[in-house]
């Protein structure tokens, strides 16, 4: 993702949902034992944010 794409992605985000998704991710990852590896965390986050919610 380049700077222009990042700027657009941030503009397209649903800001009201961000804290809910953040808290969900933290709770899910914190409940795992042992704590997941970095690639597992990245894959989990990508699964949460598969599509732009405004495009649905």
PDB file of N, CA and C in Angstrom:
ATOM      1  N   UNK A   1       0.857  -1.160   0.000  1.00  0.00           N
ATOM      2  CA  UNK A   1       0.000   0.000   0.000  1.00  0.00           C
ATOM      3  C   UNK A   1       0.909   1.231   0.000  1.00  0.00           C
ATOM      4  N   UNK A   2       0.653   2.106  -0.922  1.00  0.00           N
ATOM      5  CA  UNK A   2       1.437   3.335  -0.962  1.00  0.00           C
ATOM      6  C   UNK A   2       0.730   4.432  -0.151  1.00  0.00           C
ATOM      7  N   UNK A   3       1.338   5.599  -0.104  1.00  0.00           N
ATOM      8  CA  UNK A   3       0.801   6.687   0.722  1.00  0.00           C
ATOM      9  C   UNK A   3      -0.592   7.117   0.278  1.00  0.00           C
ATOM     10  N   UNK A   4      -0.819   7.203  -1.024  1.00  0.00           N
ATOM     11  CA  UNK A   4      -2.134   7.622  -1.524  1.00  0.00           C
ATOM     12  C   UNK A   4      -3.201   6.579  -1.185  1.00  0.00           C
ATOM     13  N   UNK A   5      -2.855   5.304  -1.322  1.00  0.00           N
ATOM     14  CA  UNK A   5      -3.811   4.236  -0.991  1.00  0.00           C
ATOM     15  C   UNK A   5      -4.107   4.221   0.505  1.00  0.00           C
ATOM     16  N   UNK A   6      -3.090   4.446   1.324  1.00  0.00           N
ATOM     17  CA  UNK A   6      -3.303   4.498   2.773  1.00  0.00           C
ATOM     18  C   UNK A   6      -4.215   5.656   3.140  1.00  0.00           C
ATOM     19  N   UNK A   7      -3.974   6.800   2.539  1.00  0.00           N
ATOM     20  CA  UNK A   7      -4.816   7.974   2.809  1.00  0.00           C
ATOM     21  C   UNK A   7      -6.270   7.677   2.452  1.00  0.00           C
ATOM     22  N   UNK A   8      -6.489   7.033   1.310  1.00  0.00           N
ATOM     23  CA  UNK A   8      -7.849   6.684   0.886  1.00  0.00           C
ATOM     24  C   UNK A   8      -8.464   5.649   1.823  1.00  0.00           C
ATOM     25  N   UNK A   9      -7.683   4.650   2.212  1.00  0.00           N
ATOM     26  CA  UNK A   9      -8.188   3.616   3.117  1.00  0.00           C
ATOM     27  C   UNK A   9      -8.612   4.223   4.451  1.00  0.00           C
ATOM     28  N   UNK A  10      -7.816   5.137   4.969  1.00  0.00           N
ATOM     29  CA  UNK A  10      -8.175   5.791   6.229  1.00  0.00           C
ATOM     30  C   UNK A  10      -9.434   6.638   6.075  1.00  0.00           C
ATOM     31  N   UNK A  11      -9.573   7.298   4.943  1.00  0.00           N
ATOM     32  CA  UNK A  11     -10.769   8.105   4.691  1.00  0.00           C
ATOM     33  C   UNK A  11     -12.011   7.234   4.547  1.00  0.00           C
ATOM     34  N   UNK A  12     -11.837   6.030   4.002  1.00  0.00           N
ATOM     35  CA  UNK A  12     -12.961   5.124   3.761  1.00  0.00           C
ATOM     36  C   UNK A  12     -13.383   4.340   4.995  1.00  0.00           C
ATOM     37  N   UNK A  13     -12.560   4.335   6.014  1.00  0.00           N
ATOM     38  CA  UNK A  13     -12.861   3.542   7.201  1.00  0.00           C
ATOM     39  C   UNK A  13     -14.100   4.027   7.931  1.00  0.00           C
ATOM     40  N   UNK A  14     -14.772   3.107   8.603  1.00  0.00           N
ATOM     41  CA  UNK A  14     -15.929   3.441   9.435  1.00  0.00           C
ATOM     42  C   UNK A  14     -15.388   3.673  10.846  1.00  0.00           C
ATOM     43  N   UNK A  15     -15.189   4.915  11.172  1.00  0.00           N
ATOM     44  CA  UNK A  15     -14.517   5.261  12.414  1.00  0.00           C
ATOM     45  C   UNK A  15     -15.278   4.829  13.664  1.00  0.00           C
ATOM     46  N   UNK A  16     -16.579   4.744  13.575  1.00  0.00           N
ATOM     47  CA  UNK A  16     -17.376   4.312  14.729  1.00  0.00           C
ATOM     48  C   UNK A  16     -17.130   2.838  15.057  1.00  0.00           C
ATOM     49  N   UNK A  17     -16.770   2.043  14.046  1.00  0.00           N
ATOM     50  CA  UNK A  17     -16.548   0.605  14.253  1.00  0.00           C
ATOM     51  C   UNK A  17     -15.125   0.293  14.713  1.00  0.00           C
ATOM     52  N   UNK A  18     -14.204   1.212  14.534  1.00  0.00           N
ATOM     53  CA  UNK A  18     -12.800   0.949  14.831  1.00  0.00           C
ATOM     54  C   UNK A  18     -12.562   0.501  16.276  1.00  0.00           C
ATOM     55  N   UNK A  19     -13.102   1.182  17.288  1.00  0.00           N
ATOM     56  CA  UNK A  19     -12.846   0.728  18.658  1.00  0.00           C
ATOM     57  C   UNK A  19     -13.434  -0.649  18.942  1.00  0.00           C
ATOM     58  N   UNK A  20     -14.559  -0.963  18.347  1.00  0.00           N
ATOM     59  CA  UNK A  20     -15.201  -2.270  18.552  1.00  0.00           C
ATOM     60  C   UNK A  20     -14.326  -3.374  17.973  1.00  0.00           C
ATOM     61  N   UNK A  21     -13.860  -3.176  16.746  1.00  0.00           N
ATOM     62  CA  UNK A  21     -13.008  -4.174  16.108  1.00  0.00           C
ATOM     63  C   UNK A  21     -11.661  -4.292  16.813  1.00  0.00           C
ATOM     64  N   UNK A  22     -11.112  -3.166  17.249  1.00  0.00           N
ATOM     65  CA  UNK A  22      -9.845  -3.188  17.988  1.00  0.00           C
ATOM     66  C   UNK A  22      -9.980  -4.007  19.265  1.00  0.00           C
ATOM     67  N   UNK A  23     -11.047  -3.734  20.035  1.00  0.00           N
ATOM     68  CA  UNK A  23     -11.258  -4.448  21.292  1.00  0.00           C
ATOM     69  C   UNK A  23     -11.505  -5.931  21.055  1.00  0.00           C
ATOM     70  N   UNK A  24     -12.228  -6.259  19.982  1.00  0.00           N
ATOM     71  CA  UNK A  24     -12.471  -7.661  19.639  1.00  0.00           C
ATOM     72  C   UNK A  24     -11.163  -8.369  19.328  1.00  0.00           C
ATOM     73  N   UNK A  25     -10.310  -7.727  18.549  1.00  0.00           N
ATOM     74  CA  UNK A  25      -9.027  -8.323  18.187  1.00  0.00           C
ATOM     75  C   UNK A  25      -8.154  -8.524  19.426  1.00  0.00           C
ATOM     76  N   UNK A  26      -8.087  -7.517  20.289  1.00  0.00           N
ATOM     77  CA  UNK A  26      -7.266  -7.629  21.491  1.00  0.00           C
ATOM     78  C   UNK A  26      -7.776  -8.754  22.388  1.00  0.00           C
ATOM     79  N   UNK A  27      -9.080  -8.837  22.588  1.00  0.00           N
ATOM     80  CA  UNK A  27      -9.648  -9.874  23.446  1.00  0.00           C
ATOM     81  C   UNK A  27      -9.384 -11.260  22.881  1.00  0.00           C
ATOM     82  N   UNK A  28      -9.589 -11.417  21.589  1.00  0.00           N
ATOM     83  CA  UNK A  28      -9.376 -12.718  20.953  1.00  0.00           C
ATOM     84  C   UNK A  28      -7.912 -13.136  21.034  1.00  0.00           C
ATOM     85  N   UNK A  29      -7.021 -12.244  20.698  1.00  0.00           N
ATOM     86  CA  UNK A  29      -5.601 -12.592  20.692  1.00  0.00           C
ATOM     87  C   UNK A  29      -5.063 -12.802  22.107  1.00  0.00           C
ATOM     88  N   UNK A  30      -5.557 -12.033  23.065  1.00  0.00           N
ATOM     89  CA  UNK A  30      -5.111 -12.177  24.448  1.00  0.00           C
ATOM     90  C   UNK A  30      -5.571 -13.488  25.061  1.00  0.00           C
ATOM     91  N   UNK A  31      -6.688 -14.019  24.577  1.00  0.00           N
ATOM     92  CA  UNK A  31      -7.228 -15.267  25.120  1.00  0.00           C
ATOM     93  C   UNK A  31      -6.462 -16.491  24.631  1.00  0.00           C
ATOM     94  N   UNK A  32      -5.689 -16.338  23.596  1.00  0.00           N
ATOM     95  CA  UNK A  32      -4.935 -17.469  23.050  1.00  0.00           C
ATOM     96  C   UNK A  32      -3.708 -17.735  23.909  1.00  0.00           C
ATOM     97  N   UNK A  33      -3.431 -19.029  24.067  1.00  0.00           N
ATOM     98  CA  UNK A  33      -2.251 -19.414  24.832  1.00  0.00           C
ATOM     99  C   UNK A  33      -1.524 -20.505  24.070  1.00  0.00           C
ATOM    100  N   UNK A  34      -0.300 -20.344  23.759  1.00  0.00           N
ATOM    101  CA  UNK A  34       0.505 -19.158  23.980  1.00  0.00           C
ATOM    102  C   UNK A  34       0.068 -18.035  23.046  1.00  0.00           C
ATOM    103  N   UNK A  35       0.553 -16.836  23.345  1.00  0.00           N
ATOM    104  CA  UNK A  35       0.197 -15.694  22.507  1.00  0.00           C
ATOM    105  C   UNK A  35       0.617 -15.990  21.072  1.00  0.00           C
ATOM    106  N   UNK A  36      -0.226 -15.661  20.105  1.00  0.00           N
ATOM    107  CA  UNK A  36       0.074 -15.994  18.715  1.00  0.00           C
ATOM    108  C   UNK A  36       1.320 -15.283  18.179  1.00  0.00           C
ATOM    109  N   UNK A  37       1.903 -15.906  17.172  1.00  0.00           N
ATOM    110  CA  UNK A  37       3.077 -15.324  16.518  1.00  0.00           C
ATOM    111  C   UNK A  37       2.658 -14.090  15.719  1.00  0.00           C
ATOM    112  N   UNK A  38       3.635 -13.308  15.316  1.00  0.00           N
ATOM    113  CA  UNK A  38       3.343 -12.113  14.525  1.00  0.00           C
ATOM    114  C   UNK A  38       2.573 -12.459  13.253  1.00  0.00           C
ATOM    115  N   UNK A  39       2.986 -13.490  12.480  1.00  0.00           N
ATOM    116  CA  UNK A  39       2.203 -13.839  11.285  1.00  0.00           C
ATOM    117  C   UNK A  39       0.756 -14.218  11.617  1.00  0.00           C
ATOM    118  N   UNK A  40       0.531 -14.885  12.748  1.00  0.00           N
ATOM    119  CA  UNK A  40      -0.835 -15.235  13.154  1.00  0.00           C
ATOM    120  C   UNK A  40      -1.654 -13.977  13.467  1.00  0.00           C
ATOM    121  N   UNK A  41      -1.034 -13.009  14.114  1.00  0.00           N
ATOM    122  CA  UNK A  41      -1.716 -11.748  14.428  1.00  0.00           C
ATOM    123  C   UNK A  41      -2.077 -11.016  13.137  1.00  0.00           C
ATOM    124  N   UNK A  42      -1.129 -10.962  12.205  1.00  0.00           N
ATOM    125  CA  UNK A  42      -1.383 -10.303  10.924  1.00  0.00           C
ATOM    126  C   UNK A  42      -2.537 -10.997  10.189  1.00  0.00           C
ATOM    127  N   UNK A  43      -2.522 -12.316  10.143  1.00  0.00           N
ATOM    128  CA  UNK A  43      -3.594 -13.055   9.465  1.00  0.00           C
ATOM    129  C   UNK A  43      -4.944 -12.836  10.131  1.00  0.00           C
ATOM    130  N   UNK A  44      -4.958 -12.792  11.450  1.00  0.00           N
ATOM    131  CA  UNK A  44      -6.214 -12.552  12.165  1.00  0.00           C
ATOM    132  C   UNK A  44      -6.755 -11.162  11.837  1.00  0.00           C
ATOM    133  N   UNK A  45      -5.897 -10.161  11.880  1.00  0.00           N
ATOM    134  CA  UNK A  45      -6.332  -8.801  11.558  1.00  0.00           C
ATOM    135  C   UNK A  45      -6.833  -8.706  10.125  1.00  0.00           C
ATOM    136  N   UNK A  46      -6.161  -9.364   9.217  1.00  0.00           N
ATOM    137  CA  UNK A  46      -6.614  -9.352   7.820  1.00  0.00           C
ATOM    138  C   UNK A  46      -7.972 -10.023   7.680  1.00  0.00           C
ATOM    139  N   UNK A  47      -8.243 -11.035   8.472  1.00  0.00           N
ATOM    140  CA  UNK A  47      -9.550 -11.711   8.437  1.00  0.00           C
ATOM    141  C   UNK A  47     -10.654 -10.783   8.951  1.00  0.00           C
ATOM    142  N   UNK A  48     -10.329  -9.932   9.927  1.00  0.00           N
ATOM    143  CA  UNK A  48     -11.320  -8.997  10.451  1.00  0.00           C
ATOM    144  C   UNK A  48     -11.652  -7.900   9.456  1.00  0.00           C
ATOM    145  N   UNK A  49     -10.682  -7.530   8.658  1.00  0.00           N
ATOM    146  CA  UNK A  49     -10.830  -6.381   7.768  1.00  0.00           C
ATOM    147  C   UNK A  49     -10.699  -6.816   6.320  1.00  0.00           C
ATOM    148  N   UNK A  50     -11.511  -7.784   5.924  1.00  0.00           N
ATOM    149  CA  UNK A  50     -11.401  -8.338   4.581  1.00  0.00           C
ATOM    150  C   UNK A  50     -11.909  -7.396   3.511  1.00  0.00           C
ATOM    151  N   UNK A  51     -12.884  -6.571   3.837  1.00  0.00           N
ATOM    152  CA  UNK A  51     -13.485  -5.672   2.839  1.00  0.00           C
ATOM    153  C   UNK A  51     -13.696  -4.297   3.437  1.00  0.00           C
ATOM    154  N   UNK A  52     -13.759  -3.334   2.556  1.00  0.00           N
ATOM    155  CA  UNK A  52     -14.086  -1.984   2.979  1.00  0.00           C
ATOM    156  C   UNK A  52     -15.582  -1.954   3.324  1.00  0.00           C
ATOM    157  N   UNK A  53     -15.941  -1.693   4.578  1.00  0.00           N
ATOM    158  CA  UNK A  53     -17.353  -1.707   4.977  1.00  0.00           C
ATOM    159  C   UNK A  53     -18.210  -0.713   4.201  1.00  0.00           C
ATOM    160  N   UNK A  54     -17.622   0.387   3.757  1.00  0.00           N
ATOM    161  CA  UNK A  54     -18.414   1.371   2.998  1.00  0.00           C
ATOM    162  C   UNK A  54     -18.730   0.877   1.596  1.00  0.00           C
ATOM    163  N   UNK A  55     -18.000  -0.130   1.131  1.00  0.00           N
ATOM    164  CA  UNK A  55     -18.227  -0.647  -0.226  1.00  0.00           C
ATOM    165  C   UNK A  55     -19.321  -1.715  -0.246  1.00  0.00           C
ATOM    166  N   UNK A  56     -19.773  -2.132   0.914  1.00  0.00           N
ATOM    167  CA  UNK A  56     -20.791  -3.203   0.972  1.00  0.00           C
ATOM    168  C   UNK A  56     -22.177  -2.674   0.669  1.00  0.00           C
TER     169      UNK A  56
END
